C-alpha atoms as a PDB file:
ATOM      1  CA  UNK A   1     -20.826 -27.277   7.904  1.00  0.00           C
ATOM      2  CA  UNK A   2     -21.296 -31.027   8.321  1.00  0.00           C
ATOM      3  CA  UNK A   3     -18.452 -33.451   8.988  1.00  0.00           C
ATOM      4  CA  UNK A   4     -19.016 -34.970   5.538  1.00  0.00           C
ATOM      5  CA  UNK A   5     -18.753 -31.570   3.862  1.00  0.00           C
ATOM      6  CA  UNK A   6     -15.588 -30.750   5.830  1.00  0.00           C
ATOM      7  CA  UNK A   7     -14.061 -34.088   4.841  1.00  0.00           C
ATOM      8  CA  UNK A   8     -14.810 -33.435   1.176  1.00  0.00           C
ATOM      9  CA  UNK A   9     -13.264 -29.965   1.442  1.00  0.00           C
ATOM     10  CA  UNK A  10     -10.062 -31.190   3.073  1.00  0.00           C
ATOM     11  CA  UNK A  11      -9.722 -34.018   0.557  1.00  0.00           C
ATOM     12  CA  UNK A  12     -10.066 -31.523  -2.291  1.00  0.00           C
ATOM     13  CA  UNK A  13      -7.491 -29.324  -0.594  1.00  0.00           C
ATOM     14  CA  UNK A  14      -5.119 -32.267  -0.274  1.00  0.00           C
ATOM     15  CA  UNK A  15      -5.361 -32.839  -4.020  1.00  0.00           C
ATOM     16  CA  UNK A  16      -4.840 -29.154  -4.767  1.00  0.00           C
ATOM     17  CA  UNK A  17      -1.738 -29.108  -2.553  1.00  0.00           C
ATOM     18  CA  UNK A  18      -0.387 -32.357  -3.997  1.00  0.00           C
ATOM     19  CA  UNK A  19      -0.578 -34.205  -0.671  1.00  0.00           C
ATOM     20  CA  UNK A  20      -0.759 -37.693  -2.105  1.00  0.00           C
ATOM     21  CA  UNK A  21       0.167 -40.797  -0.108  1.00  0.00           C
ATOM     22  CA  UNK A  22       3.624 -40.780  -1.657  1.00  0.00           C
ATOM     23  CA  UNK A  23       4.076 -37.077  -0.850  1.00  0.00           C
ATOM     24  CA  UNK A  24       3.071 -37.720   2.772  1.00  0.00           C
ATOM     25  CA  UNK A  25       5.603 -40.535   3.030  1.00  0.00           C
ATOM     26  CA  UNK A  26       8.215 -38.246   1.542  1.00  0.00           C
ATOM     27  CA  UNK A  27       7.485 -35.608   4.169  1.00  0.00           C
ATOM     28  CA  UNK A  28       7.948 -38.177   6.930  1.00  0.00           C
ATOM     29  CA  UNK A  29      11.310 -39.144   5.472  1.00  0.00           C
ATOM     30  CA  UNK A  30      12.321 -35.495   5.335  1.00  0.00           C
ATOM     31  CA  UNK A  31      11.837 -35.088   9.091  1.00  0.00           C
ATOM     32  CA  UNK A  32      13.548 -38.434   9.694  1.00  0.00           C
ATOM     33  CA  UNK A  33      10.549 -40.257  11.168  1.00  0.00           C
ATOM     34  CA  UNK A  34      11.448 -43.950  11.443  1.00  0.00           C
ATOM     35  CA  UNK A  35       9.767 -47.089  12.908  1.00  0.00           C
ATOM     36  CA  UNK A  36      11.993 -46.845  15.990  1.00  0.00           C
ATOM     37  CA  UNK A  37      10.512 -43.406  16.680  1.00  0.00           C
ATOM     38  CA  UNK A  38       7.017 -44.887  16.906  1.00  0.00           C
ATOM     39  CA  UNK A  39       8.157 -47.023  19.844  1.00  0.00           C
ATOM     40  CA  UNK A  40       9.552 -43.979  21.621  1.00  0.00           C
ATOM     41  CA  UNK A  41       6.386 -41.973  20.909  1.00  0.00           C
ATOM     42  CA  UNK A  42       4.290 -44.780  22.379  1.00  0.00           C
ATOM     43  CA  UNK A  43       6.390 -44.486  25.561  1.00  0.00           C
ATOM     44  CA  UNK A  44       5.256 -40.865  26.078  1.00  0.00           C
ATOM     45  CA  UNK A  45       1.660 -41.334  24.933  1.00  0.00           C
ATOM     46  CA  UNK A  46       0.251 -41.373  28.446  1.00  0.00           C
ATOM     47  CA  UNK A  47       2.107 -38.301  29.655  1.00  0.00           C
ATOM     48  CA  UNK A  48       1.067 -36.263  26.593  1.00  0.00           C
ATOM     49  CA  UNK A  49      -2.535 -37.412  26.952  1.00  0.00           C
ATOM     50  CA  UNK A  50      -2.552 -36.428  30.610  1.00  0.00           C
ATOM     51  CA  UNK A  51      -1.232 -32.952  29.790  1.00  0.00           C
ATOM     52  CA  UNK A  52      -3.406 -32.299  26.719  1.00  0.00           C
ATOM     53  CA  UNK A  53      -5.603 -29.735  28.454  1.00  0.00           C
ATOM     54  CA  UNK A  54      -2.587 -27.854  29.843  1.00  0.00           C
ATOM     55  CA  UNK A  55      -0.881 -27.900  26.425  1.00  0.00           C
ATOM     56  CA  UNK A  56      -3.962 -26.495  24.720  1.00  0.00           C
ATOM     57  CA  UNK A  57      -4.167 -23.774  27.363  1.00  0.00           C
ATOM     58  CA  UNK A  58      -0.480 -22.941  26.869  1.00  0.00           C
ATOM     59  CA  UNK A  59      -0.944 -22.575  23.113  1.00  0.00           C
ATOM     60  CA  UNK A  60      -3.974 -20.281  23.332  1.00  0.00           C
ATOM     61  CA  UNK A  61      -2.738 -18.310  26.337  1.00  0.00           C
ATOM     62  CA  UNK A  62       0.296 -17.358  24.267  1.00  0.00           C
ATOM     63  CA  UNK A  63      -1.935 -16.277  21.386  1.00  0.00           C
ATOM     64  CA  UNK A  64      -4.183 -14.250  23.683  1.00  0.00           C
ATOM     65  CA  UNK A  65      -1.287 -11.929  24.491  1.00  0.00           C
ATOM     66  CA  UNK A  66      -0.519 -11.126  20.845  1.00  0.00           C
ATOM     67  CA  UNK A  67      -2.196  -8.432  18.759  1.00  0.00           C
ATOM     68  CA  UNK A  68      -1.485 -10.523  15.653  1.00  0.00           C
ATOM     69  CA  UNK A  69      -3.831 -13.240  16.947  1.00  0.00           C
ATOM     70  CA  UNK A  70      -6.667 -10.876  17.831  1.00  0.00           C
ATOM     71  CA  UNK A  71      -8.951 -11.827  14.895  1.00  0.00           C
ATOM     72  CA  UNK A  72      -8.874 -15.449  16.059  1.00  0.00           C
ATOM     73  CA  UNK A  73      -9.063 -14.829  19.797  1.00  0.00           C
ATOM     74  CA  UNK A  74     -11.866 -12.268  19.471  1.00  0.00           C
ATOM     75  CA  UNK A  75     -14.275 -14.910  18.162  1.00  0.00           C
ATOM     76  CA  UNK A  76     -15.490 -17.231  20.886  1.00  0.00           C
ATOM     77  CA  UNK A  77     -16.867 -19.664  18.311  1.00  0.00           C
ATOM     78  CA  UNK A  78     -13.557 -19.835  16.449  1.00  0.00           C
ATOM     79  CA  UNK A  79     -11.536 -20.256  19.636  1.00  0.00           C
ATOM     80  CA  UNK A  80     -13.764 -23.098  20.848  1.00  0.00           C
ATOM     81  CA  UNK A  81     -13.442 -24.837  17.491  1.00  0.00           C
ATOM     82  CA  UNK A  82      -9.673 -24.292  17.411  1.00  0.00           C
ATOM     83  CA  UNK A  83      -9.284 -25.616  20.965  1.00  0.00           C
ATOM     84  CA  UNK A  84     -11.227 -28.761  20.121  1.00  0.00           C
ATOM     85  CA  UNK A  85      -9.147 -29.357  17.000  1.00  0.00           C
ATOM     86  CA  UNK A  86      -5.918 -28.701  18.912  1.00  0.00           C
ATOM     87  CA  UNK A  87      -6.903 -31.271  21.554  1.00  0.00           C
ATOM     88  CA  UNK A  88      -7.613 -33.779  18.757  1.00  0.00           C
ATOM     89  CA  UNK A  89      -4.256 -32.874  17.254  1.00  0.00           C
ATOM     90  CA  UNK A  90      -2.337 -33.631  20.458  1.00  0.00           C
ATOM     91  CA  UNK A  91      -4.185 -36.918  20.930  1.00  0.00           C
ATOM     92  CA  UNK A  92      -3.413 -37.965  17.361  1.00  0.00           C
ATOM     93  CA  UNK A  93       0.269 -36.962  17.642  1.00  0.00           C
ATOM     94  CA  UNK A  94       1.009 -39.857  19.973  1.00  0.00           C
ATOM     95  CA  UNK A  95      -1.061 -42.562  18.244  1.00  0.00           C
ATOM     96  CA  UNK A  96       1.678 -43.515  15.776  1.00  0.00           C
ATOM     97  CA  UNK A  97      -0.477 -43.340  12.635  1.00  0.00           C
ATOM     98  CA  UNK A  98       0.502 -40.443  10.379  1.00  0.00           C
ATOM     99  CA  UNK A  99      -1.249 -41.189   7.100  1.00  0.00           C
ATOM    100  CA  UNK A 100      -3.789 -39.288   5.005  1.00  0.00           C
ATOM    101  CA  UNK A 101      -6.421 -39.084   7.759  1.00  0.00           C
ATOM    102  CA  UNK A 102      -3.889 -37.512  10.106  1.00  0.00           C
ATOM    103  CA  UNK A 103      -2.965 -34.987   7.420  1.00  0.00           C
ATOM    104  CA  UNK A 104      -6.638 -34.159   6.815  1.00  0.00           C
ATOM    105  CA  UNK A 105      -7.007 -33.257  10.487  1.00  0.00           C
ATOM    106  CA  UNK A 106      -3.958 -30.988  10.324  1.00  0.00           C
ATOM    107  CA  UNK A 107      -5.354 -29.314   7.198  1.00  0.00           C
ATOM    108  CA  UNK A 108      -8.666 -28.616   8.895  1.00  0.00           C
ATOM    109  CA  UNK A 109      -6.833 -26.901  11.731  1.00  0.00           C
ATOM    110  CA  UNK A 110      -4.570 -25.014   9.325  1.00  0.00           C
ATOM    111  CA  UNK A 111      -7.533 -23.749   7.289  1.00  0.00           C
ATOM    112  CA  UNK A 112      -9.165 -22.458  10.466  1.00  0.00           C
ATOM    113  CA  UNK A 113      -5.980 -20.582  11.360  1.00  0.00           C
ATOM    114  CA  UNK A 114      -5.672 -19.165   7.854  1.00  0.00           C
ATOM    115  CA  UNK A 115      -9.250 -17.939   7.618  1.00  0.00           C
ATOM    116  CA  UNK A 116      -8.959 -16.388  11.076  1.00  0.00           C
ATOM    117  CA  UNK A 117      -5.971 -14.377   9.825  1.00  0.00           C
ATOM    118  CA  UNK A 118      -3.316 -16.160  11.892  1.00  0.00           C
ATOM    119  CA  UNK A 119       0.041 -15.683  10.180  1.00  0.00           C
ATOM    120  CA  UNK A 120       2.952 -18.104  10.118  1.00  0.00           C
ATOM    121  CA  UNK A 121       5.128 -16.286  12.659  1.00  0.00           C
ATOM    122  CA  UNK A 122       2.346 -16.123  15.226  1.00  0.00           C
ATOM    123  CA  UNK A 123       1.486 -19.789  14.805  1.00  0.00           C
ATOM    124  CA  UNK A 124       5.127 -20.857  15.132  1.00  0.00           C
ATOM    125  CA  UNK A 125       5.570 -18.841  18.311  1.00  0.00           C
ATOM    126  CA  UNK A 126       2.552 -20.459  19.966  1.00  0.00           C
ATOM    127  CA  UNK A 127       3.543 -23.917  18.744  1.00  0.00           C
ATOM    128  CA  UNK A 128       7.001 -23.465  20.230  1.00  0.00           C
ATOM    129  CA  UNK A 129       5.439 -22.763  23.633  1.00  0.00           C
ATOM    130  CA  UNK A 130       3.306 -25.893  23.291  1.00  0.00           C
ATOM    131  CA  UNK A 131       6.339 -28.056  22.480  1.00  0.00           C
ATOM    132  CA  UNK A 132       8.228 -26.579  25.385  1.00  0.00           C
ATOM    133  CA  UNK A 133       5.394 -27.529  27.712  1.00  0.00           C
ATOM    134  CA  UNK A 134       5.311 -31.086  26.337  1.00  0.00           C
ATOM    135  CA  UNK A 135       9.098 -31.367  26.642  1.00  0.00           C
ATOM    136  CA  UNK A 136       9.042 -30.285  30.291  1.00  0.00           C
ATOM    137  CA  UNK A 137       6.303 -32.819  31.080  1.00  0.00           C
ATOM    138  CA  UNK A 138       8.235 -35.638  29.397  1.00  0.00           C
ATOM    139  CA  UNK A 139      11.498 -34.779  31.153  1.00  0.00           C
ATOM    140  CA  UNK A 140       9.731 -34.769  34.523  1.00  0.00           C
ATOM    141  CA  UNK A 141       8.240 -38.171  33.737  1.00  0.00           C
ATOM    142  CA  UNK A 142      11.713 -39.515  32.905  1.00  0.00           C
ATOM    143  CA  UNK A 143      13.589 -37.745  35.681  1.00  0.00           C
ATOM    144  CA  UNK A 144      15.345 -40.997  36.584  1.00  0.00           C
ATOM    145  CA  UNK A 145      16.549 -41.451  32.994  1.00  0.00           C
ATOM    146  CA  UNK A 146      16.795 -38.000  31.367  1.00  0.00           C
ATOM    147  CA  UNK A 147      18.667 -39.327  28.330  1.00  0.00           C
ATOM    148  CA  UNK A 148      15.791 -41.679  27.579  1.00  0.00           C
ATOM    149  CA  UNK A 149      13.264 -38.885  28.121  1.00  0.00           C
ATOM    150  CA  UNK A 150      15.186 -36.597  25.764  1.00  0.00           C
ATOM    151  CA  UNK A 151      15.307 -39.222  23.001  1.00  0.00           C
ATOM    152  CA  UNK A 152      11.585 -39.875  23.393  1.00  0.00           C
ATOM    153  CA  UNK A 153      10.857 -36.160  23.143  1.00  0.00           C
ATOM    154  CA  UNK A 154      13.055 -35.849  20.044  1.00  0.00           C
ATOM    155  CA  UNK A 155      11.085 -38.671  18.397  1.00  0.00           C
ATOM    156  CA  UNK A 156       7.831 -36.819  19.099  1.00  0.00           C
ATOM    157  CA  UNK A 157       9.415 -33.602  17.866  1.00  0.00           C
ATOM    158  CA  UNK A 158       9.810 -35.186  14.426  1.00  0.00           C
ATOM    159  CA  UNK A 159       6.034 -35.523  14.269  1.00  0.00           C
ATOM    160  CA  UNK A 160       5.736 -31.927  15.447  1.00  0.00           C
ATOM    161  CA  UNK A 161       7.939 -30.730  12.571  1.00  0.00           C
ATOM    162  CA  UNK A 162       5.946 -32.907  10.178  1.00  0.00           C
ATOM    163  CA  UNK A 163       2.832 -31.064  11.430  1.00  0.00           C
ATOM    164  CA  UNK A 164       4.499 -27.656  11.218  1.00  0.00           C
ATOM    165  CA  UNK A 165       5.361 -28.284   7.559  1.00  0.00           C
ATOM    166  CA  UNK A 166       1.739 -29.085   6.735  1.00  0.00           C
ATOM    167  CA  UNK A 167       0.194 -26.193   8.659  1.00  0.00           C
ATOM    168  CA  UNK A 168       2.692 -23.631   7.360  1.00  0.00           C
ATOM    169  CA  UNK A 169       2.039 -24.858   3.819  1.00  0.00           C
ATOM    170  CA  UNK A 170      -1.709 -24.436   4.259  1.00  0.00           C
ATOM    171  CA  UNK A 171      -1.267 -20.951   5.726  1.00  0.00           C
ATOM    172  CA  UNK A 172       0.794 -19.963   2.672  1.00  0.00           C
ATOM    173  CA  UNK A 173      -1.529 -21.773   0.255  1.00  0.00           C
ATOM    174  CA  UNK A 174      -4.652 -20.071   1.632  1.00  0.00           C
ATOM    175  CA  UNK A 175      -2.975 -16.655   1.604  1.00  0.00           C
ATOM    176  CA  UNK A 176      -1.917 -17.125  -2.018  1.00  0.00           C
ATOM    177  CA  UNK A 177      -5.422 -18.344  -2.904  1.00  0.00           C
ATOM    178  CA  UNK A 178      -6.928 -15.166  -1.477  1.00  0.00           C
ATOM    179  CA  UNK A 179      -4.368 -13.056  -3.344  1.00  0.00           C
ATOM    180  CA  UNK A 180      -5.238 -14.867  -6.592  1.00  0.00           C
ATOM    181  CA  UNK A 181      -8.937 -14.228  -6.021  1.00  0.00           C
ATOM    182  CA  UNK A 182      -8.290 -10.550  -5.340  1.00  0.00           C
ATOM    183  CA  UNK A 183      -6.118 -10.228  -8.433  1.00  0.00           C
ATOM    184  CA  UNK A 184      -8.787 -11.929 -10.530  1.00  0.00           C
ATOM    185  CA  UNK A 185     -11.446  -9.564  -9.179  1.00  0.00           C
ATOM    186  CA  UNK A 186      -9.236  -6.561  -9.927  1.00  0.00           C
ATOM    187  CA  UNK A 187      -8.564  -7.843 -13.447  1.00  0.00           C
ATOM    188  CA  UNK A 188     -12.273  -8.316 -14.081  1.00  0.00           C
ATOM    189  CA  UNK A 189     -13.001  -4.799 -12.855  1.00  0.00           C
ATOM    190  CA  UNK A 190     -10.160  -3.364 -14.938  1.00  0.00           C
ATOM    191  CA  UNK A 191     -11.368  -4.949 -18.201  1.00  0.00           C
ATOM    192  CA  UNK A 192     -15.182  -4.985 -18.151  1.00  0.00           C
ATOM    193  CA  UNK A 193     -16.991  -6.002 -21.318  1.00  0.00           C
ATOM    194  CA  UNK A 194     -20.334  -4.162 -21.422  1.00  0.00           C
ATOM    195  CA  UNK A 195     -23.338  -4.972 -23.568  1.00  0.00           C
ATOM    196  CA  UNK A 196     -24.617  -1.650 -24.964  1.00  0.00           C
ATOM    197  CA  UNK A 197     -27.460  -3.138 -26.944  1.00  0.00           C
ATOM    198  CA  UNK A 198     -28.200  -6.407 -28.706  1.00  0.00           C
ATOM    199  CA  UNK A 199     -25.138  -7.675 -30.608  1.00  0.00           C
ATOM    200  CA  UNK A 200     -23.080  -4.617 -29.554  1.00  0.00           C
ATOM    201  CA  UNK A 201     -20.352  -4.706 -26.883  1.00  0.00           C
ATOM    202  CA  UNK A 202     -18.191  -1.969 -25.399  1.00  0.00           C
ATOM    203  CA  UNK A 203     -14.715  -2.707 -24.008  1.00  0.00           C
ATOM    204  CA  UNK A 204     -13.285   0.377 -22.233  1.00  0.00           C
ATOM    205  CA  UNK A 205      -9.594  -0.035 -21.393  1.00  0.00           C
ATOM    206  CA  UNK A 206      -7.989   2.231 -18.805  1.00  0.00           C
ATOM    207  CA  UNK A 207      -4.462   2.279 -17.419  1.00  0.00           C
ATOM    208  CA  UNK A 208      -1.279   0.431 -18.242  1.00  0.00           C
ATOM    209  CA  UNK A 209      -1.505  -2.615 -20.493  1.00  0.00           C
ATOM    210  CA  UNK A 210       1.162  -5.249 -20.078  1.00  0.00           C
ATOM    211  CA  UNK A 211       1.367  -8.616 -21.814  1.00  0.00           C
ATOM    212  CA  UNK A 212      -0.553 -10.411 -19.057  1.00  0.00           C
ATOM    213  CA  UNK A 213      -3.383  -7.890 -19.050  1.00  0.00           C
ATOM    214  CA  UNK A 214      -3.542  -7.912 -22.842  1.00  0.00           C
ATOM    215  CA  UNK A 215      -4.015 -11.687 -22.688  1.00  0.00           C
ATOM    216  CA  UNK A 216      -6.817 -11.287 -20.147  1.00  0.00           C
ATOM    217  CA  UNK A 217      -8.490  -8.661 -22.324  1.00  0.00           C
ATOM    218  CA  UNK A 218      -8.501 -11.115 -25.198  1.00  0.00           C
ATOM    219  CA  UNK A 219      -9.963 -13.909 -23.087  1.00  0.00           C
ATOM    220  CA  UNK A 220     -12.682 -11.682 -21.605  1.00  0.00           C
ATOM    221  CA  UNK A 221     -13.635 -10.251 -24.956  1.00  0.00           C
ATOM    222  CA  UNK A 222     -13.864 -13.567 -26.788  1.00  0.00           C
ATOM    223  CA  UNK A 223     -15.958 -15.067 -23.994  1.00  0.00           C
ATOM    224  CA  UNK A 224     -18.305 -12.062 -24.084  1.00  0.00           C
ATOM    225  CA  UNK A 225     -18.616 -12.265 -27.882  1.00  0.00           C
ATOM    226  CA  UNK A 226     -19.641 -15.895 -27.615  1.00  0.00           C
ATOM    227  CA  UNK A 227     -22.003 -15.355 -24.671  1.00  0.00           C
ATOM    228  CA  UNK A 228     -23.759 -12.328 -26.234  1.00  0.00           C
ATOM    229  CA  UNK A 229     -23.539 -13.423 -29.888  1.00  0.00           C
ATOM    230  CA  UNK A 230     -22.008 -10.028 -30.579  1.00  0.00           C
ATOM    231  CA  UNK A 231     -21.471  -8.715 -34.082  1.00  0.00           C
ATOM    232  CA  UNK A 232     -19.662  -5.462 -33.286  1.00  0.00           C
ATOM    233  CA  UNK A 233     -17.278  -4.527 -30.460  1.00  0.00           C
ATOM    234  CA  UNK A 234     -16.155  -0.993 -29.674  1.00  0.00           C
ATOM    235  CA  UNK A 235     -12.749  -1.100 -27.963  1.00  0.00           C
ATOM    236  CA  UNK A 236     -12.082   2.293 -26.405  1.00  0.00           C
ATOM    237  CA  UNK A 237      -8.443   3.021 -25.480  1.00  0.00           C
ATOM    238  CA  UNK A 238      -8.843   6.676 -24.508  1.00  0.00           C
ATOM    239  CA  UNK A 239      -7.488   5.925 -21.035  1.00  0.00           C
ATOM    240  CA  UNK A 240      -4.360   4.148 -22.300  1.00  0.00           C
ATOM    241  CA  UNK A 241      -1.259   6.337 -22.221  1.00  0.00           C
ATOM    242  CA  UNK A 242       1.266   4.055 -23.938  1.00  0.00           C
ATOM    243  CA  UNK A 243       1.259   0.816 -25.909  1.00  0.00           C
ATOM    244  CA  UNK A 244       4.462  -1.081 -26.699  1.00  0.00           C
ATOM    245  CA  UNK A 245       5.016  -3.369 -29.683  1.00  0.00           C
ATOM    246  CA  UNK A 246       4.146  -6.595 -27.843  1.00  0.00           C
ATOM    247  CA  UNK A 247       0.857  -5.206 -26.549  1.00  0.00           C
ATOM    248  CA  UNK A 248       0.018  -3.661 -29.921  1.00  0.00           C
ATOM    249  CA  UNK A 249       0.571  -6.981 -31.671  1.00  0.00           C
ATOM    250  CA  UNK A 250      -1.508  -8.731 -29.027  1.00  0.00           C
ATOM    251  CA  UNK A 251      -4.377  -6.286 -29.545  1.00  0.00           C
ATOM    252  CA  UNK A 252      -4.164  -6.891 -33.276  1.00  0.00           C
ATOM    253  CA  UNK A 253      -4.379 -10.614 -32.605  1.00  0.00           C
ATOM    254  CA  UNK A 254      -7.431  -9.926 -30.451  1.00  0.00           C
ATOM    255  CA  UNK A 255      -9.066  -8.092 -33.327  1.00  0.00           C
ATOM    256  CA  UNK A 256      -8.273 -11.000 -35.657  1.00  0.00           C
ATOM    257  CA  UNK A 257      -9.605 -13.564 -33.179  1.00  0.00           C
ATOM    258  CA  UNK A 258     -12.818 -11.564 -32.749  1.00  0.00           C
ATOM    259  CA  UNK A 259     -13.191 -11.448 -36.528  1.00  0.00           C
ATOM    260  CA  UNK A 260     -12.898 -15.237 -36.682  1.00  0.00           C
ATOM    261  CA  UNK A 261     -15.777 -15.397 -34.197  1.00  0.00           C
ATOM    262  CA  UNK A 262     -17.874 -13.194 -36.445  1.00  0.00           C
ATOM    263  CA  UNK A 263     -17.441  -9.855 -34.661  1.00  0.00           C
ATOM    264  CA  UNK A 264     -16.013  -6.623 -36.031  1.00  0.00           C
ATOM    265  CA  UNK A 265     -13.836  -4.599 -33.638  1.00  0.00           C
ATOM    266  CA  UNK A 266     -13.804  -0.811 -33.824  1.00  0.00           C
ATOM    267  CA  UNK A 267     -10.950   0.836 -31.913  1.00  0.00           C
ATOM    268  CA  UNK A 268     -11.643   4.329 -30.585  1.00  0.00           C
ATOM    269  CA  UNK A 269      -9.783   6.937 -28.572  1.00  0.00           C
ATOM    270  CA  UNK A 270      -6.251   6.459 -29.897  1.00  0.00           C
ATOM    271  CA  UNK A 271      -4.301   9.434 -28.545  1.00  0.00           C
ATOM    272  CA  UNK A 272      -1.767  11.277 -30.665  1.00  0.00           C
ATOM    273  CA  UNK A 273       1.109   9.855 -28.612  1.00  0.00           C
ATOM    274  CA  UNK A 274      -0.137   6.280 -28.923  1.00  0.00           C
ATOM    275  CA  UNK A 275      -0.808   6.671 -32.650  1.00  0.00           C
ATOM    276  CA  UNK A 276       2.661   8.135 -33.221  1.00  0.00           C
ATOM    277  CA  UNK A 277       4.356   5.390 -31.203  1.00  0.00           C
ATOM    278  CA  UNK A 278       2.486   2.696 -33.151  1.00  0.00           C
ATOM    279  CA  UNK A 279       3.637   4.214 -36.433  1.00  0.00           C
ATOM    280  CA  UNK A 280       7.202   4.549 -35.120  1.00  0.00           C
ATOM    281  CA  UNK A 281       7.189   0.887 -34.027  1.00  0.00           C
ATOM    282  CA  UNK A 282       6.170  -0.112 -37.538  1.00  0.00           C
ATOM    283  CA  UNK A 283       3.011  -1.930 -36.394  1.00  0.00           C
ATOM    284  CA  UNK A 284       0.873  -3.061 -39.336  1.00  0.00           C
ATOM    285  CA  UNK A 285      -2.428  -1.251 -38.797  1.00  0.00           C
ATOM    286  CA  UNK A 286      -4.149  -1.830 -42.109  1.00  0.00           C
ATOM    287  CA  UNK A 287      -6.485  -4.406 -40.567  1.00  0.00           C
ATOM    288  CA  UNK A 288      -7.499  -2.070 -37.727  1.00  0.00           C
ATOM    289  CA  UNK A 289     -10.838  -0.278 -37.941  1.00  0.00           C
ATOM    290  CA  UNK A 290     -10.373   2.975 -36.011  1.00  0.00           C
ATOM    291  CA  UNK A 291     -12.653   5.915 -35.176  1.00  0.00           C
ATOM    292  CA  UNK A 292     -11.545   9.081 -33.425  1.00  0.00           C
ATOM    293  CA  UNK A 293     -13.657   9.003 -30.274  1.00  0.00           C
ATOM    294  CA  UNK A 294     -16.061   6.779 -28.383  1.00  0.00           C
ATOM    295  CA  UNK A 295     -19.199   8.548 -29.559  1.00  0.00           C
ATOM    296  CA  UNK A 296     -18.131   8.195 -33.153  1.00  0.00           C
ATOM    297  CA  UNK A 297     -17.305   4.536 -32.607  1.00  0.00           C
ATOM    298  CA  UNK A 298     -20.726   3.803 -31.142  1.00  0.00           C
ATOM    299  CA  UNK A 299     -22.427   5.634 -34.006  1.00  0.00           C
ATOM    300  CA  UNK A 300     -20.397   3.609 -36.513  1.00  0.00           C
ATOM    301  CA  UNK A 301     -21.228   0.374 -34.698  1.00  0.00           C
ATOM    302  CA  UNK A 302     -24.950   1.174 -34.709  1.00  0.00           C
ATOM    303  CA  UNK A 303     -24.795   2.014 -38.401  1.00  0.00           C
ATOM    304  CA  UNK A 304     -23.184  -1.370 -39.101  1.00  0.00           C
ATOM    305  CA  UNK A 305     -25.881  -3.113 -37.074  1.00  0.00           C
ATOM    306  CA  UNK A 306     -28.608  -1.231 -38.930  1.00  0.00           C
ATOM    307  CA  UNK A 307     -29.705   1.094 -36.174  1.00  0.00           C
ATOM    308  CA  UNK A 308     -30.709   4.628 -37.131  1.00  0.00           C
ATOM    309  CA  UNK A 309     -30.478   7.506 -34.658  1.00  0.00           C
ATOM    310  CA  UNK A 310     -33.350  10.023 -34.722  1.00  0.00           C
ATOM    311  CA  UNK A 311     -33.544  13.355 -32.943  1.00  0.00           C
ATOM    312  CA  UNK A 312     -36.351  14.001 -30.474  1.00  0.00           C
ATOM    313  CA  UNK A 313     -38.018  16.405 -32.911  1.00  0.00           C
ATOM    314  CA  UNK A 314     -37.964  13.770 -35.631  1.00  0.00           C
ATOM    315  CA  UNK A 315     -39.507  11.170 -33.340  1.00  0.00           C
ATOM    316  CA  UNK A 316     -42.280  13.612 -32.313  1.00  0.00           C
ATOM    317  CA  UNK A 317     -42.933  14.583 -35.913  1.00  0.00           C
ATOM    318  CA  UNK A 318     -43.124  10.950 -36.960  1.00  0.00           C
ATOM    319  CA  UNK A 319     -45.557  10.196 -34.137  1.00  0.00           C
ATOM    320  CA  UNK A 320     -47.769  13.095 -35.092  1.00  0.00           C
ATOM    321  CA  UNK A 321     -47.713  12.012 -38.700  1.00  0.00           C
ATOM    322  CA  UNK A 322     -48.911   8.530 -37.769  1.00  0.00           C
ATOM    323  CA  UNK A 323     -51.633  10.038 -35.613  1.00  0.00           C
END
């Protein structure tokens, strides 16, 4: 991945996470970062720069002893990349400029952690060890004036907490993104719309239908009708054990929406329990075209489309007649 591509990706991520200039300034106010702190940070710039290599080693040595960090530490390429970014991070921490470019660098590091499977607890533990190492180095540098050294370290610690907020947010954001992708994949698998033949679709529904899934079924079906220019849809609910009033009404709305798009929906496989519960709930079913089973529904759909089923003997006899 080129630097330009990485920059474009982090900028997109910043937009997705709402990390605007005003949001960044707000985050700095939250940790209490003030102009006076920049002076104190400048006073420890040299000592942090001198100890960058040791700090990086401290961070990754801590991770190397944890099973939770094994996916990251097992990849030499990832570790080398993470070490380089961590060294850049430490150098940037003491430069006094914490705008959008600084945040982009933190996001790049956070994304690497997230995609390597590093969780929040593990990151925080390693970061604590890094801060401890920096604090010890600063206090040694200011041994003659420990109060001054402590205040300088506390100023730098504000930047550290600013960084922690960003990296933890990206770890959570990336985890939630992956969960959303997995849920979307599961939803697509759970409500497939299959093209049986030209202008004929089959929508088999299996399992529990809640309001959210009913909405997804509608969206998937209407998109498939448009994409395939379908005229008939067979919606098979053999695998559905129960349907409540909200779901039943939503399915009826789906049928109506499909009709507006020029497609007739045939519902098949209504079990006795589902049929009885629909009647008990008082659902208006007059607009519903139902057939007992899937085979019957497909035969009805083909009849509507003008297809005629012939037995093998009939096909052979017709062929012989033409010969």
